[in-house]
PDB file of N, CA and C in Angstrom:
ATOM      1  N   MET A   1      -3.408  37.805  16.967  1.00  0.00           N
ATOM      2  CA  MET A   1      -2.148  37.136  17.117  1.00  0.00           C
ATOM      3  C   MET A   1      -2.744  35.816  16.360  1.00  0.00           C
ATOM      4  N   HIS A   2      -1.503  35.301  15.395  1.00  0.00           N
ATOM      5  CA  HIS A   2      -1.772  33.761  14.843  1.00  0.00           C
ATOM      6  C   HIS A   2      -1.302  32.697  15.540  1.00  0.00           C
ATOM      7  N   LEU A   3      -1.759  31.736  15.566  1.00  0.00           N
ATOM      8  CA  LEU A   3      -1.174  30.799  16.343  1.00  0.00           C
ATOM      9  C   LEU A   3      -1.215  29.336  15.416  1.00  0.00           C
ATOM     10  N   ASN A   4      -0.028  29.001  15.223  1.00  0.00           N
ATOM     11  CA  ASN A   4       0.192  27.407  14.555  1.00  0.00           C
ATOM     12  C   ASN A   4      -0.081  26.510  15.618  1.00  0.00           C
ATOM     13  N   ILE A   5      -1.052  25.775  15.269  1.00  0.00           N
ATOM     14  CA  ILE A   5      -1.430  24.812  16.405  1.00  0.00           C
ATOM     15  C   ILE A   5      -0.378  23.577  16.167  1.00  0.00           C
ATOM     16  N   ASN A   6       0.430  23.619  14.953  1.00  0.00           N
ATOM     17  CA  ASN A   6       1.139  22.260  14.512  1.00  0.00           C
ATOM     18  C   ASN A   6       2.639  22.263  14.948  1.00  0.00           C
ATOM     19  N   LYS A   7       2.862  23.615  15.477  1.00  0.00           N
ATOM     20  CA  LYS A   7       4.439  23.847  15.813  1.00  0.00           C
ATOM     21  C   LYS A   7       4.677  23.107  16.591  1.00  0.00           C
ATOM     22  N   GLY A   8       6.035  22.237  16.473  1.00  0.00           N
ATOM     23  CA  GLY A   8       6.419  21.742  17.015  1.00  0.00           C
ATOM     24  C   GLY A   8       5.926  19.890  17.765  1.00  0.00           C
ATOM     25  N   CYS A   9       4.943  19.793  17.416  1.00  0.00           N
ATOM     26  CA  CYS A   9       4.118  18.541  17.658  1.00  0.00           C
ATOM     27  C   CYS A   9       3.658  17.883  16.613  1.00  0.00           C
ATOM     28  N   GLY A  10       2.885  16.764  17.221  1.00  0.00           N
ATOM     29  CA  GLY A  10       2.147  15.816  16.264  1.00  0.00           C
ATOM     30  C   GLY A  10       2.738  15.233  15.030  1.00  0.00           C
ATOM     31  N   SER A  11       1.956  15.361  14.090  1.00  0.00           N
ATOM     32  CA  SER A  11       2.544  14.611  12.703  1.00  0.00           C
ATOM     33  C   SER A  11       3.550  15.954  12.181  1.00  0.00           C
ATOM     34  N   CYS A  12       3.804  17.052  12.672  1.00  0.00           N
ATOM     35  CA  CYS A  12       4.925  17.676  12.171  1.00  0.00           C
ATOM     36  C   CYS A  12       5.901  17.925  12.962  1.00  0.00           C
ATOM     37  N   ASN A  13       6.152  17.055  13.927  1.00  0.00           N
ATOM     38  CA  ASN A  13       7.424  16.611  14.521  1.00  0.00           C
ATOM     39  C   ASN A  13       7.226  15.412  15.064  1.00  0.00           C
ATOM     40  N   LEU A  14       7.828  14.197  14.526  1.00  0.00           N
ATOM     41  CA  LEU A  14       7.707  13.035  14.867  1.00  0.00           C
ATOM     42  C   LEU A  14       8.726  12.435  15.976  1.00  0.00           C
ATOM     43  N   GLU A  15       9.616  13.619  16.174  1.00  0.00           N
ATOM     44  CA  GLU A  15      10.763  12.936  17.057  1.00  0.00           C
ATOM     45  C   GLU A  15      10.478  12.834  18.543  1.00  0.00           C
ATOM     46  N   PRO A  16       9.524  13.307  19.164  1.00  0.00           N
ATOM     47  CA  PRO A  16       9.270  13.063  20.366  1.00  0.00           C
ATOM     48  C   PRO A  16       8.516  11.523  20.320  1.00  0.00           C
ATOM     49  N   LEU A  17       7.427  11.114  19.315  1.00  0.00           N
ATOM     50  CA  LEU A  17       6.822  10.138  19.434  1.00  0.00           C
ATOM     51  C   LEU A  17       7.737   8.944  18.947  1.00  0.00           C
ATOM     52  N   ARG A  18       8.675   9.210  18.238  1.00  0.00           N
ATOM     53  CA  ARG A  18       9.581   7.956  17.755  1.00  0.00           C
ATOM     54  C   ARG A  18      10.280   7.836  19.117  1.00  0.00           C
ATOM     55  N   GLU A  19      10.848   8.775  19.927  1.00  0.00           N
ATOM     56  CA  GLU A  19      11.774   8.544  21.241  1.00  0.00           C
ATOM     57  C   GLU A  19      10.744   7.664  22.166  1.00  0.00           C
ATOM     58  N   LYS A  20       9.487   7.806  22.284  1.00  0.00           N
ATOM     59  CA  LYS A  20       8.729   7.079  23.149  1.00  0.00           C
ATOM     60  C   LYS A  20       8.401   6.062  22.502  1.00  0.00           C
ATOM     61  N   VAL A  21       8.147   5.674  21.433  1.00  0.00           N
ATOM     62  CA  VAL A  21       7.992   4.370  20.446  1.00  0.00           C
ATOM     63  C   VAL A  21       9.013   3.281  21.175  1.00  0.00           C
ATOM     64  N   LEU A  22      10.596   4.105  20.716  1.00  0.00           N
ATOM     65  CA  LEU A  22      11.731   3.108  21.271  1.00  0.00           C
ATOM     66  C   LEU A  22      11.698   2.747  22.485  1.00  0.00           C
ATOM     67  N   GLU A  23      11.799   3.787  23.304  1.00  0.00           N
ATOM     68  CA  GLU A  23      11.519   3.654  25.118  1.00  0.00           C
ATOM     69  C   GLU A  23      10.506   2.659  25.444  1.00  0.00           C
ATOM     70  N   ASN A  24       9.569   2.747  24.858  1.00  0.00           N
ATOM     71  CA  ASN A  24       8.401   1.549  25.456  1.00  0.00           C
ATOM     72  C   ASN A  24       8.218   0.401  24.560  1.00  0.00           C
ATOM     73  N   GLN A  25       9.196   0.279  23.650  1.00  0.00           N
ATOM     74  CA  GLN A  25       9.201  -0.825  22.797  1.00  0.00           C
ATOM     75  C   GLN A  25       7.748  -1.208  22.338  1.00  0.00           C
ATOM     76  N   ALA A  26       7.105  -0.105  21.869  1.00  0.00           N
ATOM     77  CA  ALA A  26       5.620  -0.033  21.114  1.00  0.00           C
ATOM     78  C   ALA A  26       5.853  -0.806  19.824  1.00  0.00           C
ATOM     79  N   ASP A  27       4.617  -1.492  19.381  1.00  0.00           N
ATOM     80  CA  ASP A  27       4.569  -1.646  18.091  1.00  0.00           C
ATOM     81  C   ASP A  27       4.580  -0.554  17.039  1.00  0.00           C
ATOM     82  N   LEU A  28       3.829   0.672  17.418  1.00  0.00           N
ATOM     83  CA  LEU A  28       3.479   1.842  16.632  1.00  0.00           C
ATOM     84  C   LEU A  28       3.429   2.848  17.248  1.00  0.00           C
ATOM     85  N   GLY A  29       3.496   3.996  16.792  1.00  0.00           N
ATOM     86  CA  GLY A  29       3.000   5.386  17.253  1.00  0.00           C
ATOM     87  C   GLY A  29       2.421   6.003  16.134  1.00  0.00           C
ATOM     88  N   ILE A  30       1.110   6.849  16.508  1.00  0.00           N
ATOM     89  CA  ILE A  30       0.621   7.444  15.493  1.00  0.00           C
ATOM     90  C   ILE A  30       0.168   8.980  16.075  1.00  0.00           C
ATOM     91  N   ALA A  31       0.657   9.742  15.204  1.00  0.00           N
ATOM     92  CA  ALA A  31       0.558  11.279  15.327  1.00  0.00           C
ATOM     93  C   ALA A  31      -0.377  11.918  14.498  1.00  0.00           C
ATOM     94  N   PHE A  32      -1.005  12.896  14.899  1.00  0.00           N
ATOM     95  CA  PHE A  32      -2.257  13.712  13.930  1.00  0.00           C
ATOM     96  C   PHE A  32      -1.658  15.167  14.028  1.00  0.00           C
ATOM     97  N   ASP A  33      -2.044  15.914  13.462  1.00  0.00           N
ATOM     98  CA  ASP A  33      -2.060  17.424  13.142  1.00  0.00           C
ATOM     99  C   ASP A  33      -2.950  17.976  14.151  1.00  0.00           C
ATOM    100  N   GLY A  34      -2.744  19.179  14.447  1.00  0.00           N
ATOM    101  CA  GLY A  34      -3.832  19.971  15.029  1.00  0.00           C
ATOM    102  C   GLY A  34      -5.144  19.778  14.789  1.00  0.00           C
ATOM    103  N   ASP A  35      -5.702  19.705  13.725  1.00  0.00           N
ATOM    104  CA  ASP A  35      -7.180  19.603  13.288  1.00  0.00           C
ATOM    105  C   ASP A  35      -7.493  17.882  12.896  1.00  0.00           C
ATOM    106  N   GLY A  36      -6.681  17.230  13.010  1.00  0.00           N
ATOM    107  CA  GLY A  36      -6.795  15.658  12.934  1.00  0.00           C
ATOM    108  C   GLY A  36      -7.003  15.210  11.233  1.00  0.00           C
ATOM    109  N   ASP A  37      -6.819  16.076  10.255  1.00  0.00           N
ATOM    110  CA  ASP A  37      -6.863  15.521   9.087  1.00  0.00           C
ATOM    111  C   ASP A  37      -5.440  15.388   8.315  1.00  0.00           C
ATOM    112  N   ARG A  38      -4.689  15.121   9.190  1.00  0.00           N
ATOM    113  CA  ARG A  38      -2.987  14.722   8.883  1.00  0.00           C
ATOM    114  C   ARG A  38      -2.588  13.349   9.718  1.00  0.00           C
ATOM    115  N   VAL A  39      -2.027  12.543   9.392  1.00  0.00           N
ATOM    116  CA  VAL A  39      -1.792  11.282  10.233  1.00  0.00           C
ATOM    117  C   VAL A  39      -0.219  11.068   9.634  1.00  0.00           C
ATOM    118  N   MET A  40       0.731  10.747  10.455  1.00  0.00           N
ATOM    119  CA  MET A  40       1.908  10.109  10.286  1.00  0.00           C
ATOM    120  C   MET A  40       2.108   9.101  11.453  1.00  0.00           C
ATOM    121  N   MET A  41       3.027   8.093  11.346  1.00  0.00           N
ATOM    122  CA  MET A  41       3.361   6.930  11.918  1.00  0.00           C
ATOM    123  C   MET A  41       4.565   6.469  12.179  1.00  0.00           C
ATOM    124  N   VAL A  42       5.125   6.063  13.278  1.00  0.00           N
ATOM    125  CA  VAL A  42       6.538   5.356  13.522  1.00  0.00           C
ATOM    126  C   VAL A  42       6.292   4.373  13.798  1.00  0.00           C
ATOM    127  N   ASP A  43       7.075   3.388  13.195  1.00  0.00           N
ATOM    128  CA  ASP A  43       7.147   1.860  13.425  1.00  0.00           C
ATOM    129  C   ASP A  43       8.026   1.423  14.452  1.00  0.00           C
ATOM    130  N   HIS A  44       7.892   0.192  14.772  1.00  0.00           N
ATOM    131  CA  HIS A  44       8.383  -0.271  16.044  1.00  0.00           C
ATOM    132  C   HIS A  44      10.138   0.077  16.176  1.00  0.00           C
ATOM    133  N   LEU A  45      10.569   0.125  14.981  1.00  0.00           N
ATOM    134  CA  LEU A  45      11.997   0.520  14.959  1.00  0.00           C
ATOM    135  C   LEU A  45      12.347   1.761  14.923  1.00  0.00           C
ATOM    136  N   GLY A  46      11.481   2.524  14.944  1.00  0.00           N
ATOM    137  CA  GLY A  46      11.509   4.318  15.043  1.00  0.00           C
ATOM    138  C   GLY A  46      11.620   4.643  13.571  1.00  0.00           C
ATOM    139  N   ASN A  47      11.323   3.862  12.769  1.00  0.00           N
ATOM    140  CA  ASN A  47      11.411   4.663  11.097  1.00  0.00           C
ATOM    141  C   ASN A  47      10.111   5.600  11.066  1.00  0.00           C
ATOM    142  N   TYR A  48      10.084   6.414  10.332  1.00  0.00           N
ATOM    143  CA  TYR A  48       8.815   7.140   9.916  1.00  0.00           C
ATOM    144  C   TYR A  48       8.133   6.585   8.834  1.00  0.00           C
ATOM    145  N   VAL A  49       6.610   6.438   8.670  1.00  0.00           N
ATOM    146  CA  VAL A  49       5.905   5.870   7.922  1.00  0.00           C
ATOM    147  C   VAL A  49       5.061   7.090   7.414  1.00  0.00           C
ATOM    148  N   ASN A  50       5.244   7.324   6.008  1.00  0.00           N
ATOM    149  CA  ASN A  50       4.472   8.493   5.460  1.00  0.00           C
ATOM    150  C   ASN A  50       3.224   8.101   4.909  1.00  0.00           C
ATOM    151  N   GLY A  51       2.476   9.202   4.308  1.00  0.00           N
ATOM    152  CA  GLY A  51       1.045   8.777   3.770  1.00  0.00           C
ATOM    153  C   GLY A  51       1.141   7.824   2.674  1.00  0.00           C
ATOM    154  N   ASP A  52       1.915   7.953   1.880  1.00  0.00           N
ATOM    155  CA  ASP A  52       1.962   6.823   0.809  1.00  0.00           C
ATOM    156  C   ASP A  52       2.238   5.414   1.533  1.00  0.00           C
ATOM    157  N   GLN A  53       3.291   5.443   2.009  1.00  0.00           N
ATOM    158  CA  GLN A  53       3.389   4.174   2.799  1.00  0.00           C
ATOM    159  C   GLN A  53       1.891   3.470   3.426  1.00  0.00           C
ATOM    160  N   ILE A  54       1.448   4.559   4.344  1.00  0.00           N
ATOM    161  CA  ILE A  54       0.477   4.179   4.816  1.00  0.00           C
ATOM    162  C   ILE A  54      -0.903   4.045   3.795  1.00  0.00           C
ATOM    163  N   LEU A  55      -1.046   4.576   2.889  1.00  0.00           N
ATOM    164  CA  LEU A  55      -1.975   4.407   1.804  1.00  0.00           C
ATOM    165  C   LEU A  55      -1.611   2.971   1.482  1.00  0.00           C
ATOM    166  N   TYR A  56      -0.437   2.602   1.014  1.00  0.00           N
ATOM    167  CA  TYR A  56      -0.265   1.415   0.381  1.00  0.00           C
ATOM    168  C   TYR A  56      -0.550   0.065   1.157  1.00  0.00           C
ATOM    169  N   LEU A  57      -0.448   0.402   2.663  1.00  0.00           N
ATOM    170  CA  LEU A  57      -0.607  -0.785   3.537  1.00  0.00           C
ATOM    171  C   LEU A  57      -2.153  -1.088   3.544  1.00  0.00           C
ATOM    172  N   LEU A  58      -2.795  -0.009   3.889  1.00  0.00           N
ATOM    173  CA  LEU A  58      -4.375   0.049   3.952  1.00  0.00           C
ATOM    174  C   LEU A  58      -4.757  -0.747   2.565  1.00  0.00           C
ATOM    175  N   ALA A  59      -4.359  -0.181   1.456  1.00  0.00           N
ATOM    176  CA  ALA A  59      -5.028  -0.832   0.066  1.00  0.00           C
ATOM    177  C   ALA A  59      -4.665  -2.184   0.122  1.00  0.00           C
ATOM    178  N   LEU A  60      -3.608  -2.855   0.264  1.00  0.00           N
ATOM    179  CA  LEU A  60      -3.010  -4.077   0.393  1.00  0.00           C
ATOM    180  C   LEU A  60      -3.592  -5.139   1.230  1.00  0.00           C
ATOM    181  N   ASP A  61      -4.029  -4.340   2.529  1.00  0.00           N
ATOM    182  CA  ASP A  61      -4.697  -5.247   3.175  1.00  0.00           C
ATOM    183  C   ASP A  61      -6.290  -5.206   2.910  1.00  0.00           C
ATOM    184  N   ARG A  62      -6.778  -4.356   2.313  1.00  0.00           N
ATOM    185  CA  ARG A  62      -8.058  -4.343   1.808  1.00  0.00           C
ATOM    186  C   ARG A  62      -8.273  -5.463   0.602  1.00  0.00           C
ATOM    187  N   HIS A  63      -7.284  -5.208  -0.419  1.00  0.00           N
ATOM    188  CA  HIS A  63      -7.015  -6.192  -1.624  1.00  0.00           C
ATOM    189  C   HIS A  63      -6.914  -7.620  -0.921  1.00  0.00           C
ATOM    190  N   ASN A  64      -6.178  -7.781   0.145  1.00  0.00           N
ATOM    191  CA  ASN A  64      -5.913  -9.058   0.276  1.00  0.00           C
ATOM    192  C   ASN A  64      -7.133  -9.704   0.919  1.00  0.00           C
ATOM    193  N   SER A  65      -7.936  -8.870   1.505  1.00  0.00           N
ATOM    194  CA  SER A  65      -9.251  -9.527   2.351  1.00  0.00           C
ATOM    195  C   SER A  65     -10.351  -9.375   1.409  1.00  0.00           C
ATOM    196  N   GLY A  66     -10.358  -8.926   0.290  1.00  0.00           N
ATOM    197  CA  GLY A  66     -11.524  -8.732  -0.432  1.00  0.00           C
ATOM    198  C   GLY A  66     -12.287  -7.555  -0.393  1.00  0.00           C
ATOM    199  N   LEU A  67     -11.863  -6.580   0.401  1.00  0.00           N
ATOM    200  CA  LEU A  67     -12.557  -5.656   0.484  1.00  0.00           C
ATOM    201  C   LEU A  67     -12.365  -4.037   0.012  1.00  0.00           C
ATOM    202  N   LEU A  68     -11.434  -4.475  -1.057  1.00  0.00           N
ATOM    203  CA  LEU A  68     -11.180  -2.935  -1.567  1.00  0.00           C
ATOM    204  C   LEU A  68     -12.091  -2.060  -2.221  1.00  0.00           C
ATOM    205  N   ASN A  69     -12.883  -2.817  -2.830  1.00  0.00           N
ATOM    206  CA  ASN A  69     -14.105  -2.247  -3.649  1.00  0.00           C
ATOM    207  C   ASN A  69     -13.689  -1.142  -4.434  1.00  0.00           C
ATOM    208  N   GLY A  70     -12.794  -1.453  -5.618  1.00  0.00           N
ATOM    209  CA  GLY A  70     -12.478  -0.347  -6.517  1.00  0.00           C
ATOM    210  C   GLY A  70     -10.884   0.012  -6.500  1.00  0.00           C
ATOM    211  N   GLY A  71     -10.611   1.173  -6.785  1.00  0.00           N
ATOM    212  CA  GLY A  71      -9.054   1.414  -6.838  1.00  0.00           C
ATOM    213  C   GLY A  71      -8.862   2.255  -5.794  1.00  0.00           C
ATOM    214  N   ILE A  72      -7.500   3.197  -6.188  1.00  0.00           N
ATOM    215  CA  ILE A  72      -6.912   3.902  -5.119  1.00  0.00           C
ATOM    216  C   ILE A  72      -6.996   5.173  -5.740  1.00  0.00           C
ATOM    217  N   VAL A  73      -7.098   6.251  -5.110  1.00  0.00           N
ATOM    218  CA  VAL A  73      -6.839   7.589  -5.448  1.00  0.00           C
ATOM    219  C   VAL A  73      -5.606   8.217  -4.384  1.00  0.00           C
ATOM    220  N   GLY A  74      -4.533   8.685  -5.229  1.00  0.00           N
ATOM    221  CA  GLY A  74      -3.359   9.476  -4.961  1.00  0.00           C
ATOM    222  C   GLY A  74      -3.570  10.907  -5.617  1.00  0.00           C
ATOM    223  N   THR A  75      -2.295  11.439  -5.214  1.00  0.00           N
ATOM    224  CA  THR A  75      -2.233  12.651  -5.769  1.00  0.00           C
ATOM    225  C   THR A  75      -0.988  12.927  -6.834  1.00  0.00           C
ATOM    226  N   VAL A  76      -0.827  13.843  -7.696  1.00  0.00           N
ATOM    227  CA  VAL A  76       0.173  14.143  -8.348  1.00  0.00           C
ATOM    228  C   VAL A  76       1.384  13.811  -7.663  1.00  0.00           C
ATOM    229  N   MET A  77       1.522  13.869  -6.199  1.00  0.00           N
ATOM    230  CA  MET A  77       2.875  13.837  -5.724  1.00  0.00           C
ATOM    231  C   MET A  77       2.941  12.637  -5.023  1.00  0.00           C
ATOM    232  N   THR A  78       2.179  11.602  -5.313  1.00  0.00           N
ATOM    233  CA  THR A  78       2.388  10.447  -4.726  1.00  0.00           C
ATOM    234  C   THR A  78       3.581   9.528  -5.366  1.00  0.00           C
ATOM    235  N   ASN A  79       4.004   8.987  -4.679  1.00  0.00           N
ATOM    236  CA  ASN A  79       5.298   8.472  -5.181  1.00  0.00           C
ATOM    237  C   ASN A  79       5.154   7.231  -5.982  1.00  0.00           C
ATOM    238  N   MET A  80       5.858   7.263  -7.077  1.00  0.00           N
ATOM    239  CA  MET A  80       5.760   6.427  -8.546  1.00  0.00           C
ATOM    240  C   MET A  80       5.938   5.150  -8.135  1.00  0.00           C
ATOM    241  N   ALA A  81       6.516   4.822  -6.681  1.00  0.00           N
ATOM    242  CA  ALA A  81       6.605   3.110  -6.395  1.00  0.00           C
ATOM    243  C   ALA A  81       5.345   2.652  -5.936  1.00  0.00           C
ATOM    244  N   ILE A  82       4.622   3.752  -5.465  1.00  0.00           N
ATOM    245  CA  ILE A  82       3.267   3.304  -5.108  1.00  0.00           C
ATOM    246  C   ILE A  82       2.264   2.812  -6.295  1.00  0.00           C
ATOM    247  N   GLU A  83       2.348   3.741  -7.041  1.00  0.00           N
ATOM    248  CA  GLU A  83       1.732   3.308  -8.294  1.00  0.00           C
ATOM    249  C   GLU A  83       2.054   1.907  -8.945  1.00  0.00           C
ATOM    250  N   VAL A  84       3.407   1.796  -9.241  1.00  0.00           N
ATOM    251  CA  VAL A  84       3.952   0.706  -9.624  1.00  0.00           C
ATOM    252  C   VAL A  84       3.597  -0.602  -9.193  1.00  0.00           C
ATOM    253  N   GLY A  85       3.779  -0.358  -7.639  1.00  0.00           N
ATOM    254  CA  GLY A  85       3.078  -1.428  -6.552  1.00  0.00           C
ATOM    255  C   GLY A  85       1.782  -1.764  -6.856  1.00  0.00           C
ATOM    256  N   PHE A  86       0.695  -1.137  -6.944  1.00  0.00           N
ATOM    257  CA  PHE A  86      -0.687  -1.221  -7.231  1.00  0.00           C
ATOM    258  C   PHE A  86      -0.741  -1.803  -8.622  1.00  0.00           C
ATOM    259  N   ALA A  87       0.072  -1.531  -9.654  1.00  0.00           N
ATOM    260  CA  ALA A  87      -0.468  -2.055 -10.559  1.00  0.00           C
ATOM    261  C   ALA A  87       0.098  -3.564 -10.659  1.00  0.00           C
ATOM    262  N   LYS A  88       1.206  -3.699 -10.030  1.00  0.00           N
ATOM    263  CA  LYS A  88       1.660  -5.236  -9.954  1.00  0.00           C
ATOM    264  C   LYS A  88       0.692  -6.114  -9.424  1.00  0.00           C
ATOM    265  N   LEU A  89      -0.119  -5.574  -8.438  1.00  0.00           N
ATOM    266  CA  LEU A  89      -1.297  -6.321  -7.737  1.00  0.00           C
ATOM    267  C   LEU A  89      -2.504  -6.180  -8.475  1.00  0.00           C
ATOM    268  N   GLY A  90      -2.545  -5.732  -9.786  1.00  0.00           N
ATOM    269  CA  GLY A  90      -3.867  -5.177 -10.554  1.00  0.00           C
ATOM    270  C   GLY A  90      -4.830  -4.078  -9.716  1.00  0.00           C
ATOM    271  N   ILE A  91      -4.134  -3.529  -8.983  1.00  0.00           N
ATOM    272  CA  ILE A  91      -5.213  -2.444  -8.605  1.00  0.00           C
ATOM    273  C   ILE A  91      -5.187  -1.117  -9.254  1.00  0.00           C
ATOM    274  N   GLU A  92      -6.392  -0.635  -9.497  1.00  0.00           N
ATOM    275  CA  GLU A  92      -6.398   0.643 -10.547  1.00  0.00           C
ATOM    276  C   GLU A  92      -6.072   1.918  -9.491  1.00  0.00           C
ATOM    277  N   PHE A  93      -5.563   2.672 -10.101  1.00  0.00           N
ATOM    278  CA  PHE A  93      -4.982   3.927  -9.590  1.00  0.00           C
ATOM    279  C   PHE A  93      -4.956   5.288 -10.200  1.00  0.00           C
ATOM    280  N   VAL A  94      -5.814   6.167  -9.650  1.00  0.00           N
ATOM    281  CA  VAL A  94      -5.684   7.591 -10.090  1.00  0.00           C
ATOM    282  C   VAL A  94      -5.279   8.706  -9.324  1.00  0.00           C
ATOM    283  N   ARG A  95      -4.807   9.721 -10.179  1.00  0.00           N
ATOM    284  CA  ARG A  95      -4.116  10.735  -9.314  1.00  0.00           C
ATOM    285  C   ARG A  95      -5.129  12.000  -9.607  1.00  0.00           C
ATOM    286  N   SER A  96      -5.044  12.793  -8.457  1.00  0.00           N
ATOM    287  CA  SER A  96      -5.668  13.965  -8.437  1.00  0.00           C
ATOM    288  C   SER A  96      -4.619  14.987  -8.132  1.00  0.00           C
ATOM    289  N   LYS A  97      -4.987  16.534  -8.097  1.00  0.00           N
ATOM    290  CA  LYS A  97      -4.434  17.278  -7.736  1.00  0.00           C
ATOM    291  C   LYS A  97      -4.340  17.474  -6.096  1.00  0.00           C
ATOM    292  N   VAL A  98      -3.162  17.875  -5.694  1.00  0.00           N
ATOM    293  CA  VAL A  98      -3.048  17.990  -4.316  1.00  0.00           C
ATOM    294  C   VAL A  98      -3.879  18.719  -3.427  1.00  0.00           C
ATOM    295  N   GLY A  99      -4.317  18.223  -2.619  1.00  0.00           N
ATOM    296  CA  GLY A  99      -5.490  18.464  -1.549  1.00  0.00           C
ATOM    297  C   GLY A  99      -6.628  17.679  -1.199  1.00  0.00           C
ATOM    298  N   ASP A 100      -6.952  17.668  -0.102  1.00  0.00           N
ATOM    299  CA  ASP A 100      -7.956  16.428   0.109  1.00  0.00           C
ATOM    300  C   ASP A 100      -9.185  16.472  -0.167  1.00  0.00           C
ATOM    301  N   ARG A 101      -9.481  17.672  -0.740  1.00  0.00           N
ATOM    302  CA  ARG A 101     -10.926  18.045  -1.621  1.00  0.00           C
ATOM    303  C   ARG A 101     -10.624  17.304  -2.919  1.00  0.00           C
ATOM    304  N   TYR A 102      -9.644  17.563  -3.519  1.00  0.00           N
ATOM    305  CA  TYR A 102      -9.474  16.879  -4.872  1.00  0.00           C
ATOM    306  C   TYR A 102      -9.406  15.492  -4.742  1.00  0.00           C
ATOM    307  N   VAL A 103      -8.933  14.806  -3.730  1.00  0.00           N
ATOM    308  CA  VAL A 103      -8.883  13.345  -3.376  1.00  0.00           C
ATOM    309  C   VAL A 103     -10.202  12.719  -3.290  1.00  0.00           C
ATOM    310  N   MET A 104     -10.955  13.443  -2.554  1.00  0.00           N
ATOM    311  CA  MET A 104     -12.460  13.169  -2.229  1.00  0.00           C
ATOM    312  C   MET A 104     -13.105  13.516  -3.685  1.00  0.00           C
ATOM    313  N   GLU A 105     -13.013  14.369  -4.414  1.00  0.00           N
ATOM    314  CA  GLU A 105     -13.679  14.596  -5.552  1.00  0.00           C
ATOM    315  C   GLU A 105     -13.394  13.275  -6.471  1.00  0.00           C
ATOM    316  N   GLN A 106     -12.022  12.918  -6.483  1.00  0.00           N
ATOM    317  CA  GLN A 106     -11.823  11.774  -7.694  1.00  0.00           C
ATOM    318  C   GLN A 106     -12.346  10.273  -6.774  1.00  0.00           C
ATOM    319  N   LEU A 107     -12.414  10.249  -5.691  1.00  0.00           N
ATOM    320  CA  LEU A 107     -13.261   8.978  -5.136  1.00  0.00           C
ATOM    321  C   LEU A 107     -14.695   9.066  -5.306  1.00  0.00           C
ATOM    322  N   ARG A 108     -15.292  10.184  -5.096  1.00  0.00           N
ATOM    323  CA  ARG A 108     -16.508  10.066  -5.468  1.00  0.00           C
ATOM    324  C   ARG A 108     -17.091   9.842  -6.985  1.00  0.00           C
ATOM    325  N   GLU A 109     -16.090  10.623  -7.820  1.00  0.00           N
ATOM    326  CA  GLU A 109     -16.054  10.524  -9.097  1.00  0.00           C
ATOM    327  C   GLU A 109     -16.070   8.725  -9.640  1.00  0.00           C
ATOM    328  N   GLN A 110     -15.095   8.255  -9.099  1.00  0.00           N
ATOM    329  CA  GLN A 110     -14.912   6.800  -9.445  1.00  0.00           C
ATOM    330  C   GLN A 110     -15.562   5.750  -8.629  1.00  0.00           C
ATOM    331  N   ASN A 111     -16.241   6.490  -7.703  1.00  0.00           N
ATOM    332  CA  ASN A 111     -17.368   5.440  -6.577  1.00  0.00           C
ATOM    333  C   ASN A 111     -16.266   4.499  -6.060  1.00  0.00           C
ATOM    334  N   TRP A 112     -14.888   4.943  -5.541  1.00  0.00           N
ATOM    335  CA  TRP A 112     -14.210   4.301  -4.629  1.00  0.00           C
ATOM    336  C   TRP A 112     -14.074   4.693  -3.434  1.00  0.00           C
ATOM    337  N   HIS A 113     -13.400   4.098  -2.305  1.00  0.00           N
ATOM    338  CA  HIS A 113     -13.538   4.398  -0.848  1.00  0.00           C
ATOM    339  C   HIS A 113     -12.147   4.559  -0.222  1.00  0.00           C
ATOM    340  N   LEU A 114     -11.192   4.267  -1.049  1.00  0.00           N
ATOM    341  CA  LEU A 114      -9.665   4.628  -0.396  1.00  0.00           C
ATOM    342  C   LEU A 114      -8.687   5.613  -1.279  1.00  0.00           C
ATOM    343  N   GLY A 115      -8.327   6.660  -0.571  1.00  0.00           N
ATOM    344  CA  GLY A 115      -7.408   7.669  -1.135  1.00  0.00           C
ATOM    345  C   GLY A 115      -6.799   8.394  -0.078  1.00  0.00           C
ATOM    346  N   GLY A 116      -5.547   8.978  -0.576  1.00  0.00           N
ATOM    347  CA  GLY A 116      -5.044   9.983   0.563  1.00  0.00           C
ATOM    348  C   GLY A 116      -3.577  10.343  -0.012  1.00  0.00           C
ATOM    349  N   GLU A 117      -3.204  11.346   0.616  1.00  0.00           N
ATOM    350  CA  GLU A 117      -1.948  12.220   0.075  1.00  0.00           C
ATOM    351  C   GLU A 117      -0.734  11.738   1.190  1.00  0.00           C
ATOM    352  N   SER A 118       0.579  11.961   0.311  1.00  0.00           N
ATOM    353  CA  SER A 118       1.678  11.712   0.804  1.00  0.00           C
ATOM    354  C   SER A 118       1.825  12.677   2.288  1.00  0.00           C
TER     355      SER A 118
END
């Protein structure tokens, strides 16, 4: 029997989290997938926050605090607006193939510390 550990829950189904965030007037809701390698968030208004947005916010925070240490790695699927935003801030950005192993490969090659997928 094949079991889908992500079916109807976590980062693959954000509606229950969205409802709880709104019900409890929480600042943020965080959902992982079954093996913990994917994260999605819901903001205080119930809006979904995807991986590109999370990557941008993390990069912006590190950049503003002087802790970025290089550029950012995204993938060929990363939203172009993210790349444009990084360029406006003077943050280097490179794209890898889709897949966490390819993002990690580019991070190692560039000797950078922050990357992710949408």
